[in-house]
Every structure is written in C-alpha cells, then in structure tokens.
Amino acid sequence: FGNMALIITNKNLLAISSNASEFARQPLFGDTNMSYTIANSLIFVVTNKKIYLYTISTSEWKTIDLTGEYVRTHAAFNKTGTLITNKRIIAYSEILQEFHFFSIDAFIPVYSYTVLENKIVYDSLQKTIVYRPTTGEYSIVNFD
C-alpha cells in the first residue's frame, strides 16, 4: 500500500516500509481470526489474542494483549488509527508514536466513529468522545 507492504503467513507477520531495508518479523502463536487495516504510515493486524501495530517511523512491531477483550472494529487514516473493543477505545498517534486508551461502558457502546486528519470522533447514545492525535488527549461531550 504505497509506503508499506504486509505479508501474513500461518506463523509470522512480515512488514516492510520504504524507510526500512529488511522485513520486520512478528511471530504468531496460535493467533486466529485475523483482520488488518493499512494506512499511509501504519498497519494494524487484529487477531483473537492480540493487536499488532507496525509503523513506518519505527519499522518494528508493537503489540497489545487482548485478554478478556474482542475488537469490534478498527480503522486507520494517514498517521492515526483506532480500535474499539468491548472494554475500551484504543487510538494510535504516529505523531506521538504511542497508544492512548479510553475505557468505555459495556452497556453504552460506541456505535459509530469517524477518522479525520486531525481527530477521531466516537459516538454513543449518551456522549461523544473526541480524540486528538497531536496531543493524545480525549475530550467528552455528555448528552445528559
């Protein structure tokens, strides 16, 4: 996808970017139900066990364990990505090169979101949550 390539085998994730001279390898250990999202500068691979992230700036894999969670949806745009699990919102900012987490109420889930260049907007029945990748901060607008 432009600046990056992803190869998924039954044992490994392999990714390379235009900044790297060789593939970065991430072993898989019984991971199933894989899905992925590729943007200009990051790759998310989601399995039943973990979230794997490859970024163009570091040319290496980062992981997040999903024990007790499942990913409902994920998306990425340019230098920002998001995943929504049954317990939290996970956003990644390539600008800050770090994950940011926001706990969500299992009884009032996020039902839609929009990934934009300078923010991600999450909507639930009682509030709107806005994530800004330049600061890594979430802000909340309550509807009660």
N, C-alpha and C. Protein backbone atom coordinates (compact mmCIF):
# COMPACT_ATOMS: atom_id res chain seq x y z
N PHE A 1 0.87 -1.17 0.00
CA PHE A 1 0.00 0.00 0.00
C PHE A 1 0.90 1.22 0.00
N GLY A 2 1.38 1.63 -1.13
CA GLY A 2 2.21 2.82 -1.23
C GLY A 2 3.54 2.71 -0.53
N ASN A 3 3.59 3.10 0.75
CA ASN A 3 4.84 3.14 1.51
C ASN A 3 5.17 1.86 2.25
N MET A 4 4.22 0.91 2.32
CA MET A 4 4.42 -0.29 3.13
C MET A 4 3.87 -1.52 2.45
N ALA A 5 4.37 -2.68 2.90
CA ALA A 5 3.86 -3.96 2.44
C ALA A 5 3.69 -4.88 3.64
N LEU A 6 2.66 -5.73 3.59
CA LEU A 6 2.36 -6.68 4.66
C LEU A 6 2.22 -8.06 4.06
N ILE A 7 2.88 -9.04 4.68
CA ILE A 7 2.73 -10.44 4.31
C ILE A 7 2.31 -11.19 5.56
N ILE A 8 1.22 -11.95 5.45
CA ILE A 8 0.73 -12.74 6.58
C ILE A 8 0.88 -14.22 6.21
N THR A 9 1.61 -14.97 7.04
CA THR A 9 1.72 -16.41 6.87
C THR A 9 1.05 -17.08 8.06
N ASN A 10 1.05 -18.39 8.10
CA ASN A 10 0.45 -19.07 9.24
C ASN A 10 1.32 -18.98 10.50
N LYS A 11 2.56 -18.51 10.37
CA LYS A 11 3.45 -18.42 11.52
C LYS A 11 4.00 -17.03 11.80
N ASN A 12 3.91 -16.11 10.83
CA ASN A 12 4.55 -14.81 11.00
C ASN A 12 3.77 -13.69 10.33
N LEU A 13 3.97 -12.50 10.86
CA LEU A 13 3.61 -11.27 10.17
C LEU A 13 4.92 -10.67 9.68
N LEU A 14 4.96 -10.27 8.44
CA LEU A 14 6.14 -9.62 7.87
C LEU A 14 5.71 -8.28 7.30
N ALA A 15 6.41 -7.23 7.66
CA ALA A 15 6.09 -5.90 7.16
C ALA A 15 7.38 -5.19 6.80
N ILE A 16 7.27 -4.33 5.80
CA ILE A 16 8.40 -3.51 5.40
C ILE A 16 7.87 -2.16 4.94
N SER A 17 8.65 -1.13 5.17
CA SER A 17 8.27 0.21 4.73
C SER A 17 9.35 0.76 3.82
N SER A 18 9.06 1.86 3.19
CA SER A 18 10.03 2.50 2.31
C SER A 18 11.25 3.00 3.10
N ASN A 19 11.13 3.12 4.42
CA ASN A 19 12.24 3.56 5.27
C ASN A 19 13.13 2.41 5.74
N ALA A 20 12.69 1.16 5.54
CA ALA A 20 13.40 0.01 6.08
C ALA A 20 14.16 -0.73 4.98
N SER A 21 15.21 -1.41 5.38
CA SER A 21 16.00 -2.18 4.41
C SER A 21 15.66 -3.67 4.44
N GLU A 22 14.91 -4.11 5.47
CA GLU A 22 14.51 -5.51 5.55
C GLU A 22 13.16 -5.64 6.25
N PHE A 23 12.54 -6.81 6.08
CA PHE A 23 11.24 -7.07 6.69
C PHE A 23 11.37 -7.15 8.21
N ALA A 24 10.37 -6.62 8.91
CA ALA A 24 10.26 -6.80 10.36
C ALA A 24 9.36 -8.02 10.56
N ARG A 25 9.81 -8.97 11.36
CA ARG A 25 9.08 -10.21 11.56
C ARG A 25 8.44 -10.22 12.95
N GLN A 26 7.17 -10.62 12.98
CA GLN A 26 6.45 -10.79 14.24
C GLN A 26 5.88 -12.21 14.27
N PRO A 27 6.41 -13.08 15.14
CA PRO A 27 5.88 -14.45 15.21
C PRO A 27 4.44 -14.48 15.70
N LEU A 28 3.69 -15.43 15.19
CA LEU A 28 2.31 -15.66 15.63
C LEU A 28 2.27 -16.99 16.38
N PHE A 29 1.55 -17.03 17.48
CA PHE A 29 1.48 -18.24 18.30
C PHE A 29 0.02 -18.63 18.49
N GLY A 30 -0.53 -19.32 17.52
CA GLY A 30 -1.92 -19.77 17.62
C GLY A 30 -2.94 -18.68 17.41
N ASP A 31 -2.54 -17.56 16.86
CA ASP A 31 -3.49 -16.48 16.59
C ASP A 31 -4.42 -16.90 15.45
N THR A 32 -5.70 -16.57 15.59
CA THR A 32 -6.69 -16.88 14.55
C THR A 32 -7.55 -15.65 14.30
N ASN A 33 -8.48 -15.77 13.38
CA ASN A 33 -9.44 -14.70 13.05
C ASN A 33 -8.74 -13.37 12.77
N MET A 34 -7.83 -13.36 11.84
CA MET A 34 -7.06 -12.15 11.54
C MET A 34 -7.81 -11.20 10.62
N SER A 35 -7.65 -9.92 10.92
CA SER A 35 -8.09 -8.86 10.02
C SER A 35 -7.02 -7.77 10.10
N TYR A 36 -6.99 -6.91 9.11
CA TYR A 36 -5.96 -5.89 9.11
C TYR A 36 -6.46 -4.60 8.47
N THR A 37 -5.77 -3.52 8.81
CA THR A 37 -6.01 -2.20 8.24
C THR A 37 -4.66 -1.60 7.91
N ILE A 38 -4.55 -1.03 6.72
CA ILE A 38 -3.30 -0.39 6.31
C ILE A 38 -3.59 1.06 5.95
N ALA A 39 -2.81 1.97 6.51
CA ALA A 39 -2.90 3.39 6.17
C ALA A 39 -1.54 3.82 5.62
N ASN A 40 -1.35 5.10 5.40
CA ASN A 40 -0.09 5.59 4.82
C ASN A 40 1.13 5.31 5.67
N SER A 41 0.97 5.30 6.99
CA SER A 41 2.16 5.15 7.83
C SER A 41 2.00 4.13 8.95
N LEU A 42 0.91 3.34 8.95
CA LEU A 42 0.77 2.31 9.98
C LEU A 42 -0.07 1.15 9.49
N ILE A 43 0.16 0.00 10.11
CA ILE A 43 -0.59 -1.22 9.83
C ILE A 43 -1.09 -1.77 11.15
N PHE A 44 -2.39 -2.08 11.24
CA PHE A 44 -2.95 -2.82 12.36
C PHE A 44 -3.26 -4.23 11.88
N VAL A 45 -2.85 -5.23 12.64
CA VAL A 45 -3.31 -6.60 12.42
C VAL A 45 -3.97 -7.03 13.73
N VAL A 46 -5.22 -7.46 13.63
CA VAL A 46 -6.00 -7.83 14.81
C VAL A 46 -6.26 -9.33 14.75
N THR A 47 -5.99 -10.02 15.87
CA THR A 47 -6.28 -11.45 15.97
C THR A 47 -7.16 -11.69 17.19
N ASN A 48 -7.44 -12.95 17.45
CA ASN A 48 -8.22 -13.30 18.64
C ASN A 48 -7.45 -13.06 19.93
N LYS A 49 -6.12 -12.91 19.85
CA LYS A 49 -5.30 -12.77 21.05
C LYS A 49 -4.66 -11.39 21.24
N LYS A 50 -4.31 -10.74 20.12
CA LYS A 50 -3.51 -9.51 20.22
C LYS A 50 -3.84 -8.53 19.11
N ILE A 51 -3.38 -7.31 19.36
CA ILE A 51 -3.34 -6.27 18.33
C ILE A 51 -1.86 -6.08 18.01
N TYR A 52 -1.54 -6.13 16.74
CA TYR A 52 -0.17 -5.90 16.28
C TYR A 52 -0.15 -4.60 15.49
N LEU A 53 0.83 -3.77 15.74
CA LEU A 53 0.96 -2.49 15.05
C LEU A 53 2.36 -2.38 14.47
N TYR A 54 2.41 -2.05 13.18
CA TYR A 54 3.68 -1.75 12.51
C TYR A 54 3.61 -0.31 12.03
N THR A 55 4.67 0.47 12.31
CA THR A 55 4.66 1.87 11.87
C THR A 55 5.84 2.15 10.97
N ILE A 56 5.63 3.10 10.08
CA ILE A 56 6.68 3.48 9.13
C ILE A 56 7.84 4.18 9.84
N SER A 57 7.56 4.88 10.93
CA SER A 57 8.62 5.63 11.62
C SER A 57 9.59 4.73 12.39
N THR A 58 9.07 3.63 12.96
CA THR A 58 9.94 2.75 13.74
C THR A 58 10.35 1.50 12.97
N SER A 59 9.58 1.12 11.97
CA SER A 59 9.83 -0.10 11.18
C SER A 59 9.91 -1.34 12.07
N GLU A 60 9.09 -1.36 13.13
CA GLU A 60 9.04 -2.53 14.01
C GLU A 60 7.62 -2.75 14.50
N TRP A 61 7.38 -3.92 15.06
CA TRP A 61 6.06 -4.30 15.55
C TRP A 61 5.90 -3.93 17.02
N LYS A 62 4.70 -3.47 17.39
CA LYS A 62 4.29 -3.27 18.78
C LYS A 62 3.06 -4.13 18.98
N THR A 63 2.83 -4.59 20.22
CA THR A 63 1.66 -5.44 20.47
C THR A 63 0.88 -4.97 21.69
N ILE A 64 -0.40 -5.30 21.67
CA ILE A 64 -1.28 -5.10 22.83
C ILE A 64 -2.03 -6.40 23.04
N ASP A 65 -2.02 -6.91 24.26
CA ASP A 65 -2.71 -8.15 24.59
C ASP A 65 -4.22 -7.89 24.69
N LEU A 66 -5.03 -8.84 24.23
CA LEU A 66 -6.48 -8.69 24.26
C LEU A 66 -7.16 -9.65 25.22
N THR A 67 -6.51 -10.06 26.28
CA THR A 67 -7.11 -10.99 27.23
C THR A 67 -8.42 -10.41 27.75
N GLY A 68 -9.50 -11.15 27.56
CA GLY A 68 -10.82 -10.73 28.03
C GLY A 68 -11.49 -9.68 27.14
N GLU A 69 -10.90 -9.39 26.00
CA GLU A 69 -11.47 -8.39 25.10
C GLU A 69 -11.59 -8.96 23.69
N TYR A 70 -12.45 -8.34 22.93
CA TYR A 70 -12.51 -8.62 21.50
C TYR A 70 -12.67 -7.29 20.77
N VAL A 71 -12.08 -7.20 19.60
CA VAL A 71 -12.12 -5.97 18.82
C VAL A 71 -13.41 -5.96 18.00
N ARG A 72 -14.19 -4.91 18.19
CA ARG A 72 -15.44 -4.75 17.43
C ARG A 72 -15.18 -4.17 16.05
N THR A 73 -14.26 -3.20 15.97
CA THR A 73 -13.97 -2.55 14.70
C THR A 73 -12.61 -1.87 14.78
N HIS A 74 -12.04 -1.59 13.62
CA HIS A 74 -10.77 -0.87 13.58
C HIS A 74 -10.64 -0.14 12.25
N ALA A 75 -9.89 0.96 12.30
CA ALA A 75 -9.69 1.78 11.09
C ALA A 75 -8.42 2.59 11.26
N ALA A 76 -7.90 3.06 10.13
CA ALA A 76 -6.72 3.92 10.16
C ALA A 76 -6.80 4.90 9.01
N PHE A 77 -6.25 6.07 9.24
CA PHE A 77 -6.20 7.10 8.21
C PHE A 77 -4.91 7.87 8.39
N ASN A 78 -4.07 7.84 7.37
CA ASN A 78 -2.83 8.57 7.35
C ASN A 78 -1.94 8.20 8.54
N LYS A 79 -1.85 9.03 9.58
CA LYS A 79 -0.96 8.79 10.72
C LYS A 79 -1.71 8.49 12.01
N THR A 80 -2.99 8.15 11.90
CA THR A 80 -3.82 7.90 13.07
C THR A 80 -4.61 6.62 12.86
N GLY A 81 -4.76 5.86 13.93
CA GLY A 81 -5.57 4.65 13.85
C GLY A 81 -6.36 4.45 15.12
N THR A 82 -7.44 3.66 15.02
CA THR A 82 -8.26 3.40 16.19
C THR A 82 -8.79 1.98 16.15
N LEU A 83 -8.99 1.44 17.34
CA LEU A 83 -9.63 0.15 17.52
C LEU A 83 -10.63 0.32 18.64
N ILE A 84 -11.78 -0.31 18.51
CA ILE A 84 -12.78 -0.27 19.57
C ILE A 84 -13.03 -1.70 20.00
N THR A 85 -12.79 -1.96 21.29
CA THR A 85 -13.04 -3.29 21.85
C THR A 85 -14.32 -3.22 22.67
N ASN A 86 -14.65 -4.33 23.29
CA ASN A 86 -15.81 -4.34 24.17
C ASN A 86 -15.56 -3.59 25.48
N LYS A 87 -14.29 -3.19 25.75
CA LYS A 87 -13.96 -2.52 27.01
C LYS A 87 -13.34 -1.14 26.87
N ARG A 88 -12.74 -0.85 25.71
CA ARG A 88 -12.02 0.41 25.60
C ARG A 88 -11.85 0.85 24.15
N ILE A 89 -11.55 2.12 24.04
CA ILE A 89 -11.13 2.70 22.77
C ILE A 89 -9.61 2.74 22.81
N ILE A 90 -8.99 2.29 21.74
CA ILE A 90 -7.54 2.35 21.64
C ILE A 90 -7.23 3.19 20.41
N ALA A 91 -6.50 4.26 20.60
CA ALA A 91 -6.10 5.11 19.47
C ALA A 91 -4.58 5.11 19.40
N TYR A 92 -4.07 5.22 18.18
CA TYR A 92 -2.63 5.31 17.99
C TYR A 92 -2.32 6.57 17.21
N SER A 93 -1.36 7.32 17.70
CA SER A 93 -0.91 8.54 17.03
C SER A 93 0.52 8.33 16.54
N GLU A 94 0.72 8.35 15.25
CA GLU A 94 2.07 8.25 14.70
C GLU A 94 2.86 9.52 15.02
N ILE A 95 2.17 10.62 15.23
CA ILE A 95 2.83 11.88 15.59
C ILE A 95 3.54 11.73 16.94
N LEU A 96 2.84 11.15 17.92
CA LEU A 96 3.40 10.94 19.26
C LEU A 96 4.05 9.57 19.41
N GLN A 97 3.81 8.69 18.46
CA GLN A 97 4.32 7.32 18.45
C GLN A 97 3.94 6.55 19.71
N GLU A 98 2.65 6.65 20.09
CA GLU A 98 2.19 5.91 21.26
C GLU A 98 0.69 5.65 21.19
N PHE A 99 0.28 4.64 21.96
CA PHE A 99 -1.14 4.30 22.09
C PHE A 99 -1.77 5.17 23.17
N HIS A 100 -3.06 5.42 23.03
CA HIS A 100 -3.83 6.13 24.04
C HIS A 100 -5.12 5.35 24.27
N PHE A 101 -5.50 5.18 25.53
CA PHE A 101 -6.61 4.31 25.90
C PHE A 101 -7.72 5.11 26.57
N PHE A 102 -8.96 4.66 26.33
CA PHE A 102 -10.12 5.28 26.95
C PHE A 102 -11.11 4.17 27.28
N SER A 103 -11.44 3.99 28.57
CA SER A 103 -12.39 2.96 28.99
C SER A 103 -13.80 3.35 28.57
N ILE A 104 -14.54 2.35 28.09
CA ILE A 104 -15.93 2.62 27.71
C ILE A 104 -16.86 1.71 28.50
N ASP A 105 -18.08 2.15 28.66
CA ASP A 105 -19.11 1.42 29.38
C ASP A 105 -19.66 0.33 28.46
N ALA A 106 -19.61 -0.91 28.91
CA ALA A 106 -20.07 -2.04 28.10
C ALA A 106 -21.57 -1.93 27.78
N PHE A 107 -22.32 -1.21 28.61
CA PHE A 107 -23.76 -1.09 28.39
C PHE A 107 -24.12 0.08 27.47
N ILE A 108 -23.18 0.96 27.22
CA ILE A 108 -23.41 2.09 26.31
C ILE A 108 -22.25 2.10 25.31
N PRO A 109 -22.23 1.17 24.38
CA PRO A 109 -21.09 1.06 23.47
C PRO A 109 -21.03 2.19 22.45
N VAL A 110 -19.86 2.36 21.88
CA VAL A 110 -19.67 3.29 20.78
C VAL A 110 -20.35 2.68 19.56
N TYR A 111 -21.27 3.42 18.94
CA TYR A 111 -21.99 2.86 17.80
C TYR A 111 -21.49 3.38 16.46
N SER A 112 -20.73 4.47 16.47
CA SER A 112 -20.14 4.94 15.22
C SER A 112 -18.92 5.80 15.53
N TYR A 113 -18.07 5.96 14.54
CA TYR A 113 -16.89 6.79 14.69
C TYR A 113 -16.49 7.30 13.31
N THR A 114 -15.74 8.40 13.33
CA THR A 114 -15.25 8.99 12.09
C THR A 114 -13.78 9.33 12.29
N VAL A 115 -12.93 8.80 11.41
CA VAL A 115 -11.50 9.08 11.47
C VAL A 115 -11.21 10.22 10.51
N LEU A 116 -10.72 11.33 11.04
CA LEU A 116 -10.40 12.51 10.24
C LEU A 116 -8.90 12.80 10.36
N GLU A 117 -8.42 13.73 9.60
CA GLU A 117 -6.99 14.07 9.61
C GLU A 117 -6.51 14.52 10.99
N ASN A 118 -7.29 15.34 11.68
CA ASN A 118 -6.82 15.92 12.94
C ASN A 118 -7.58 15.44 14.18
N LYS A 119 -8.49 14.48 14.03
CA LYS A 119 -9.22 13.95 15.18
C LYS A 119 -10.01 12.70 14.79
N ILE A 120 -10.40 11.96 15.83
CA ILE A 120 -11.32 10.85 15.65
C ILE A 120 -12.51 11.15 16.56
N VAL A 121 -13.71 11.06 16.01
CA VAL A 121 -14.93 11.34 16.76
C VAL A 121 -15.69 10.03 16.95
N TYR A 122 -15.96 9.68 18.22
CA TYR A 122 -16.68 8.46 18.58
C TYR A 122 -18.04 8.86 19.13
N ASP A 123 -19.09 8.17 18.71
CA ASP A 123 -20.44 8.48 19.17
C ASP A 123 -21.06 7.29 19.89
N SER A 124 -21.69 7.58 21.03
CA SER A 124 -22.51 6.59 21.73
C SER A 124 -23.85 7.27 22.00
N LEU A 125 -24.76 6.57 22.66
CA LEU A 125 -26.08 7.15 22.91
C LEU A 125 -26.04 8.30 23.90
N GLN A 126 -25.06 8.32 24.82
CA GLN A 126 -25.04 9.35 25.86
C GLN A 126 -23.92 10.37 25.74
N LYS A 127 -22.95 10.12 24.85
CA LYS A 127 -21.84 11.07 24.76
C LYS A 127 -21.11 10.94 23.43
N THR A 128 -20.35 11.97 23.13
CA THR A 128 -19.42 11.97 22.02
C THR A 128 -18.03 12.12 22.60
N ILE A 129 -17.12 11.30 22.11
CA ILE A 129 -15.73 11.32 22.58
C ILE A 129 -14.88 11.76 21.40
N VAL A 130 -14.00 12.73 21.62
CA VAL A 130 -13.12 13.22 20.56
C VAL A 130 -11.68 12.96 20.96
N TYR A 131 -10.95 12.30 20.07
CA TYR A 131 -9.53 12.02 20.29
C TYR A 131 -8.72 12.90 19.35
N ARG A 132 -7.69 13.56 19.88
CA ARG A 132 -6.82 14.41 19.07
C ARG A 132 -5.41 13.81 19.05
N PRO A 133 -4.96 13.33 17.88
CA PRO A 133 -3.66 12.66 17.81
C PRO A 133 -2.46 13.57 18.03
N THR A 134 -2.62 14.87 17.91
CA THR A 134 -1.48 15.76 18.14
C THR A 134 -1.15 15.89 19.63
N THR A 135 -2.16 15.69 20.49
CA THR A 135 -1.94 15.79 21.94
C THR A 135 -2.10 14.44 22.64
N GLY A 136 -2.78 13.49 22.01
CA GLY A 136 -3.06 12.20 22.64
C GLY A 136 -4.17 12.27 23.67
N GLU A 137 -4.96 13.34 23.65
CA GLU A 137 -5.99 13.54 24.67
C GLU A 137 -7.38 13.25 24.12
N TYR A 138 -8.24 12.78 25.03
CA TYR A 138 -9.66 12.58 24.74
C TYR A 138 -10.45 13.68 25.41
N SER A 139 -11.48 14.15 24.74
CA SER A 139 -12.44 15.08 25.38
C SER A 139 -13.83 14.48 25.21
N ILE A 140 -14.72 14.81 26.16
CA ILE A 140 -16.05 14.19 26.19
C ILE A 140 -17.12 15.26 26.18
N VAL A 141 -18.15 15.01 25.37
CA VAL A 141 -19.36 15.84 25.37
C VAL A 141 -20.50 14.93 25.82
N ASN A 142 -21.06 15.19 27.03
CA ASN A 142 -22.17 14.38 27.55
C ASN A 142 -23.49 14.93 27.04
N PHE A 143 -24.46 14.03 26.83
CA PHE A 143 -25.78 14.44 26.35
C PHE A 143 -26.83 14.43 27.44
N ASP A 144 -26.46 14.10 28.71
CA ASP A 144 -27.49 14.07 29.77
C ASP A 144 -27.70 15.42 30.37
